[in-house]
Amino acid sequence: MSIIKILLATYNGEKYITSQINSILNQNGVEVDIVISDDSSKDKTIEIISQNYPQIRINQNIPGTGSAANNFLKMVDNLNFNENFDYVAFCDQDDIWLPEKMESAVNFLKKENAQLYCSNLTKWEESDNSLSVLKKDFPKKKYDYLFEGGSAGCTYVFTKDFALNLQKFLKKADNINWKAFSHDWLVYFFARTHKYNVVIDSNSYIHYRIHASNVHGHLNKMSFNTIKEKSSEVLNGYYQKHIQNYIQYIDKDTEEYKIYEQFLGSYFQRNFTILKYNTQLMRDNKKLMIFVVLNLLKFR
């Protein structure tokens, strides 16, 4: 039976943490080893876990890392590879995992001889208790990792060897001053640039809760405010800011470096690059079209 190291990041999660942990402990066909990294919660999160789940290890970040992304990567950095486990999974504090989530991921990784698994999600709108599919399993494109992640990080499951090499990579990665840093994108970027096999499952085994306190979950709601916020980010240099960080991990004699270098150039260089590589840059054609239009409108 496979052993999965569950990296659970918490911060002020007292409202949801019990139901999430119970859903992890109810996984079928695998053994789970939960490690919690709490980012200096100010509510009763730690107290609830300690009282109800004394077997779970809790590490407290004092001071906090400042974001869920940094908290997750700190957990990867602290992994002890002398411990007995076969896979690693990221876990948010406020979702619900279906009982077959981990077993299905492991079976998919084995079947496809892959090292990183991610999947579609079931968006759970807490305000009206509705469920809908959040599609992420668009076919991979040659250079999609230069501009987006594979899926939400809470769907990521990866092998122990992948985790070891990711840990080595993170020791030289500088994300301290990286604003709006995304662990989802970074891990997918690492996987693709290091030629790992990544699979994206069309099935969903997670109820991805959308609520008022979500850090990024609200951006998966199709609404005028979401479109306005995402558009504003792009027009204010969202991709340029991230690419300025990612480009340092790309070899200068590669096509990927050339794409990044031109994207960071003038208005005409950026849009010529988008035109040249077009459908190779993003998996979702609707997202790509919005990306194209917004970059045409961005004159800075």
Protein backbone atom coordinates (compact mmCIF):
# COMPACT_ATOMS: atom_id res chain seq x y z
CA MET A 1 0.00 0.00 0.00
CA SER A 2 1.40 3.39 -1.02
CA ILE A 3 2.20 5.93 1.68
CA ILE A 4 1.28 9.54 0.87
CA LYS A 5 2.86 12.45 2.69
CA ILE A 6 0.09 15.06 2.92
CA LEU A 7 1.39 18.62 3.22
CA LEU A 8 -1.47 20.60 4.75
CA ALA A 9 -1.05 24.39 5.00
CA THR A 10 -3.20 26.15 7.60
CA TYR A 11 -3.95 29.71 8.58
CA ASN A 12 -7.03 30.73 10.57
CA GLY A 13 -8.82 27.62 9.37
CA GLU A 14 -10.86 26.72 12.45
CA LYS A 15 -14.15 26.75 10.52
CA TYR A 16 -13.18 24.08 8.00
CA ILE A 17 -10.16 22.16 9.27
CA THR A 18 -12.03 19.30 10.95
CA SER A 19 -14.04 18.35 7.86
CA GLN A 20 -10.94 18.56 5.66
CA ILE A 21 -8.79 16.38 7.93
CA ASN A 22 -11.58 13.82 8.25
CA SER A 23 -11.83 13.60 4.47
CA ILE A 24 -8.06 12.95 4.28
CA LEU A 25 -8.17 10.27 6.96
CA ASN A 26 -11.03 8.59 5.06
CA GLN A 27 -8.93 7.97 1.94
CA ASN A 28 -9.28 4.50 0.44
CA GLY A 29 -6.45 2.20 -0.64
CA VAL A 30 -3.52 4.26 0.62
CA GLU A 31 -1.85 5.18 3.89
CA VAL A 32 -1.75 8.90 4.65
CA ASP A 33 0.79 10.72 6.79
CA ILE A 34 -0.43 14.27 7.44
CA VAL A 35 2.03 17.04 8.26
CA ILE A 36 0.60 20.44 9.09
CA SER A 37 2.41 23.74 8.73
CA ASP A 38 0.53 26.55 10.42
CA ASP A 39 1.31 30.11 9.39
CA SER A 40 0.79 31.73 12.83
CA SER A 41 -2.98 31.30 13.03
CA LYS A 42 -4.75 33.69 15.36
CA ASP A 43 -7.84 31.53 15.84
CA LYS A 44 -8.30 28.03 17.31
CA THR A 45 -6.92 26.07 14.36
CA ILE A 46 -3.98 24.57 16.26
CA GLU A 47 -6.05 23.91 19.36
CA ILE A 48 -8.68 22.01 17.35
CA ILE A 49 -6.08 19.88 15.59
CA SER A 50 -4.13 19.12 18.77
CA GLN A 51 -7.25 18.07 20.67
CA ASN A 52 -8.93 16.03 17.95
CA TYR A 53 -5.93 14.64 16.06
CA PRO A 54 -3.02 14.24 18.53
CA GLN A 55 -1.25 11.91 16.07
CA ILE A 56 -0.78 14.70 13.49
CA ARG A 57 2.45 16.67 13.54
CA ILE A 58 2.07 20.44 13.60
CA ASN A 59 4.88 22.82 12.71
CA GLN A 60 4.27 26.48 13.53
CA ASN A 61 5.81 29.23 11.43
CA ILE A 62 6.69 32.11 13.76
CA PRO A 63 6.60 34.57 12.17
CA GLY A 64 4.40 33.30 9.38
CA THR A 65 5.68 32.88 5.84
CA GLY A 66 3.11 35.40 4.62
CA SER A 67 1.31 33.25 2.04
CA ALA A 68 -0.02 29.77 1.42
CA ALA A 69 2.40 29.39 -1.50
CA ASN A 70 5.43 30.11 0.68
CA ASN A 71 4.06 27.83 3.38
CA PHE A 72 3.71 24.92 0.94
CA LEU A 73 7.22 25.33 -0.42
CA LYS A 74 8.63 25.58 3.08
CA MET A 75 7.08 22.18 3.77
CA VAL A 76 8.76 20.76 0.65
CA ASP A 77 12.04 22.28 1.80
CA ASN A 78 11.62 20.59 5.20
CA LEU A 79 10.80 17.12 3.86
CA ASN A 80 12.91 14.37 5.45
CA PHE A 81 13.65 11.80 2.77
CA ASN A 82 14.80 9.24 5.32
CA GLU A 83 11.14 8.89 6.30
CA ASN A 84 9.02 6.19 4.71
CA PHE A 85 6.71 7.60 2.03
CA ASP A 86 6.14 7.09 -1.69
CA TYR A 87 4.30 10.23 -2.79
CA VAL A 88 3.67 13.81 -1.69
CA ALA A 89 0.41 15.76 -1.98
CA PHE A 90 -0.49 19.40 -1.36
CA CYS A 91 -3.64 20.06 0.64
CA ASP A 92 -5.61 23.25 1.36
CA GLN A 93 -7.35 23.63 4.69
CA ASP A 94 -10.89 24.26 3.48
CA ASP A 95 -11.73 21.67 0.82
CA ILE A 96 -13.24 18.19 0.98
CA TRP A 97 -11.47 15.22 -0.57
CA LEU A 98 -13.51 12.35 -1.97
CA PRO A 99 -12.40 8.95 -0.58
CA GLU A 100 -10.75 7.83 -3.83
CA LYS A 101 -8.69 11.00 -4.42
CA MET A 102 -5.25 9.70 -3.43
CA GLU A 103 -5.67 6.16 -4.72
CA SER A 104 -6.84 7.44 -8.11
CA ALA A 105 -3.87 9.83 -8.35
CA VAL A 106 -1.37 7.09 -7.52
CA ASN A 107 -2.93 4.69 -10.03
CA PHE A 108 -2.86 7.40 -12.72
CA LEU A 109 0.81 8.18 -12.04
CA LYS A 110 1.73 4.50 -12.25
CA LYS A 111 -0.34 3.87 -15.39
CA GLU A 112 1.19 6.82 -17.26
CA ASN A 113 4.69 6.45 -15.76
CA ALA A 114 4.35 10.08 -14.67
CA GLN A 115 5.92 12.06 -11.84
CA LEU A 116 3.39 14.89 -11.32
CA TYR A 117 -0.37 14.49 -11.21
CA CYS A 118 -3.03 17.19 -11.21
CA SER A 119 -6.71 17.20 -12.09
CA ASN A 120 -9.99 18.95 -12.68
CA LEU A 121 -11.81 20.26 -9.62
CA THR A 122 -15.40 20.41 -8.50
CA LYS A 123 -16.06 24.02 -7.60
CA TRP A 124 -18.17 24.18 -4.45
CA GLU A 125 -19.91 27.52 -4.12
CA GLU A 126 -20.55 27.79 -0.40
CA SER A 127 -23.08 30.63 -0.74
CA ASP A 128 -25.65 28.41 -2.48
CA ASN A 129 -24.05 24.95 -1.99
CA SER A 130 -23.82 24.43 -5.77
CA LEU A 131 -21.26 22.18 -7.49
CA SER A 132 -19.76 22.65 -10.95
CA VAL A 133 -16.71 21.36 -12.81
CA LEU A 134 -13.64 23.59 -12.96
CA LYS A 135 -11.93 22.30 -16.08
CA LYS A 136 -8.12 22.08 -16.13
CA ASP A 137 -7.50 19.04 -18.34
CA PHE A 138 -7.00 20.91 -21.61
CA PRO A 139 -4.27 19.26 -23.71
CA LYS A 140 -0.77 20.31 -22.72
CA LYS A 141 0.92 22.74 -25.09
CA LYS A 142 4.61 22.98 -25.91
CA TYR A 143 5.26 26.17 -23.89
CA ASP A 144 2.19 26.45 -21.62
CA TYR A 145 4.30 26.18 -18.46
CA LEU A 146 5.91 29.52 -19.32
CA PHE A 147 2.59 31.27 -18.66
CA GLU A 148 0.45 29.07 -16.39
CA GLY A 149 0.31 26.24 -13.89
CA GLY A 150 -1.11 22.77 -14.41
CA SER A 151 -4.10 23.12 -12.08
CA ALA A 152 -4.84 24.23 -8.53
CA GLY A 153 -2.04 23.09 -6.23
CA CYS A 154 -4.51 21.21 -4.03
CA THR A 155 -4.79 18.60 -6.81
CA TYR A 156 -1.02 18.06 -7.08
CA VAL A 157 0.43 14.65 -6.19
CA PHE A 158 4.04 13.79 -7.03
CA THR A 159 6.59 11.05 -6.56
CA LYS A 160 9.23 10.99 -3.84
CA ASP A 161 12.05 11.38 -6.40
CA PHE A 162 10.28 14.38 -7.91
CA ALA A 163 9.93 15.89 -4.42
CA LEU A 164 13.64 15.40 -3.74
CA ASN A 165 14.67 17.20 -6.91
CA LEU A 166 12.06 19.91 -6.33
CA GLN A 167 13.57 20.45 -2.89
CA LYS A 168 17.03 20.87 -4.45
CA PHE A 169 15.61 23.35 -6.97
CA LEU A 170 13.87 25.37 -4.24
CA LYS A 171 17.14 25.86 -2.37
CA LYS A 172 18.33 28.07 -5.23
CA ALA A 173 14.96 29.65 -6.01
CA ASP A 174 14.38 33.12 -4.58
CA ASN A 175 10.69 33.80 -3.94
CA ILE A 176 11.02 36.07 -0.88
CA ASN A 177 10.31 39.27 -2.81
CA TRP A 178 8.20 37.60 -5.48
CA LYS A 179 4.80 39.30 -5.29
CA ALA A 180 1.66 37.20 -5.95
CA PHE A 181 3.92 34.15 -6.06
CA SER A 182 2.15 30.92 -7.09
CA HIS A 183 3.38 27.49 -5.98
CA ASP A 184 0.96 25.90 -8.48
CA TRP A 185 2.73 27.55 -11.41
CA LEU A 186 6.26 27.11 -10.01
CA VAL A 187 5.91 23.36 -9.45
CA TYR A 188 4.43 22.87 -12.94
CA PHE A 189 7.18 25.07 -14.42
CA PHE A 190 9.82 23.00 -12.60
CA ALA A 191 8.28 19.75 -13.83
CA ARG A 192 8.08 20.76 -17.49
CA THR A 193 11.48 22.49 -17.67
CA HIS A 194 13.07 19.38 -16.13
CA LYS A 195 11.28 17.08 -18.62
CA TYR A 196 9.10 15.26 -16.09
CA ASN A 197 5.95 13.59 -17.30
CA VAL A 198 2.90 15.52 -16.07
CA VAL A 199 -0.65 14.16 -16.25
CA ILE A 200 -3.88 16.12 -15.85
CA ASP A 201 -6.85 13.97 -14.88
CA SER A 202 -10.25 14.78 -16.40
CA ASN A 203 -11.89 13.44 -13.25
CA SER A 204 -12.37 15.45 -10.08
CA TYR A 205 -11.99 14.03 -6.60
CA ILE A 206 -12.09 17.27 -4.67
CA HIS A 207 -14.78 19.71 -3.63
CA TYR A 208 -12.94 23.00 -3.98
CA ARG A 209 -14.70 25.31 -1.59
CA ILE A 210 -15.32 28.91 -2.70
CA HIS A 211 -16.01 31.25 0.21
CA ALA A 212 -15.45 34.81 1.36
CA SER A 213 -12.06 34.08 2.92
CA ASN A 214 -10.48 32.33 -0.09
CA VAL A 215 -7.10 33.74 -1.05
CA HIS A 216 -7.49 32.95 -4.76
CA GLY A 217 -10.59 30.74 -4.98
CA HIS A 218 -12.93 33.64 -5.74
CA LEU A 219 -11.01 34.19 -8.97
CA ASN A 220 -12.46 30.91 -10.27
CA LYS A 221 -15.97 32.40 -10.17
CA MET A 222 -17.15 33.59 -13.58
CA SER A 223 -18.35 37.07 -12.72
CA PHE A 224 -17.87 40.65 -13.87
CA ASN A 225 -15.69 41.40 -10.83
CA THR A 226 -13.48 38.38 -11.51
CA ILE A 227 -12.98 39.34 -15.16
CA LYS A 228 -12.31 42.93 -14.13
CA GLU A 229 -9.75 41.89 -11.49
CA LYS A 230 -7.93 39.44 -13.76
CA SER A 231 -7.87 41.92 -16.64
CA SER A 232 -6.52 44.63 -14.36
CA GLU A 233 -3.72 42.30 -13.21
CA VAL A 234 -2.64 41.56 -16.78
CA LEU A 235 -2.79 45.22 -17.83
CA ASN A 236 -0.68 46.12 -14.79
CA GLY A 237 2.08 43.71 -15.76
CA TYR A 238 1.10 40.44 -14.06
CA TYR A 239 2.92 38.27 -16.60
CA GLN A 240 5.95 40.53 -16.92
CA LYS A 241 6.46 40.55 -13.15
CA HIS A 242 6.36 36.76 -12.94
CA ILE A 243 8.46 36.21 -16.05
CA GLN A 244 11.19 38.44 -14.64
CA ASN A 245 11.49 35.82 -11.89
CA TYR A 246 11.03 32.70 -14.00
CA ILE A 247 13.53 33.70 -16.68
CA GLN A 248 16.46 33.29 -14.29
CA TYR A 249 15.77 29.53 -14.21
CA ILE A 250 15.87 29.14 -18.01
CA ASP A 251 19.05 28.41 -19.98
CA LYS A 252 19.90 31.34 -22.25
CA ASP A 253 20.44 29.20 -25.35
CA THR A 254 16.89 27.81 -25.37
CA GLU A 255 13.71 28.69 -27.22
CA GLU A 256 12.00 29.22 -23.86
CA TYR A 257 14.48 31.94 -22.93
CA LYS A 258 13.95 33.63 -26.29
CA ILE A 259 10.16 33.64 -25.72
CA TYR A 260 10.57 35.20 -22.28
CA GLU A 261 13.16 37.73 -23.47
CA GLN A 262 10.95 38.93 -26.32
CA PHE A 263 7.86 39.00 -24.12
CA LEU A 264 9.72 41.33 -21.77
CA GLY A 265 10.76 43.55 -24.68
CA SER A 266 8.80 46.26 -26.45
CA TYR A 267 5.08 46.26 -27.17
CA PHE A 268 5.73 45.00 -30.70
CA GLN A 269 8.21 42.30 -29.59
CA ARG A 270 5.74 41.00 -27.00
CA ASN A 271 2.79 40.81 -29.35
CA PHE A 272 4.84 39.43 -32.23
CA THR A 273 5.96 36.62 -29.89
CA ILE A 274 2.37 35.91 -28.89
CA LEU A 275 1.35 35.84 -32.57
CA LYS A 276 4.29 33.60 -33.52
CA TYR A 277 3.74 30.95 -30.84
CA ASN A 278 -0.02 31.56 -30.30
CA THR A 279 -1.68 28.19 -29.50
CA GLN A 280 1.53 26.78 -28.01
CA LEU A 281 1.38 29.18 -25.05
CA MET A 282 -1.83 28.24 -23.21
CA ARG A 283 -4.01 25.15 -22.98
CA ASP A 284 -7.43 26.82 -22.83
CA ASN A 285 -8.28 28.62 -26.08
CA LYS A 286 -10.69 31.02 -24.33
CA LYS A 287 -7.99 31.99 -21.85
CA LEU A 288 -5.54 32.41 -24.72
CA MET A 289 -7.89 34.75 -26.60
CA ILE A 290 -8.32 36.94 -23.52
CA PHE A 291 -4.54 36.89 -23.06
CA VAL A 292 -4.03 38.02 -26.66
CA VAL A 293 -6.57 40.84 -26.47
CA LEU A 294 -5.31 42.18 -23.13
CA ASN A 295 -1.71 42.23 -24.37
CA LEU A 296 -2.82 44.15 -27.45
CA LEU A 297 -4.47 46.67 -25.11
CA LYS A 298 -1.43 46.90 -22.83
CA PHE A 299 0.81 49.67 -24.17
CA ARG A 300 3.21 49.86 -21.24
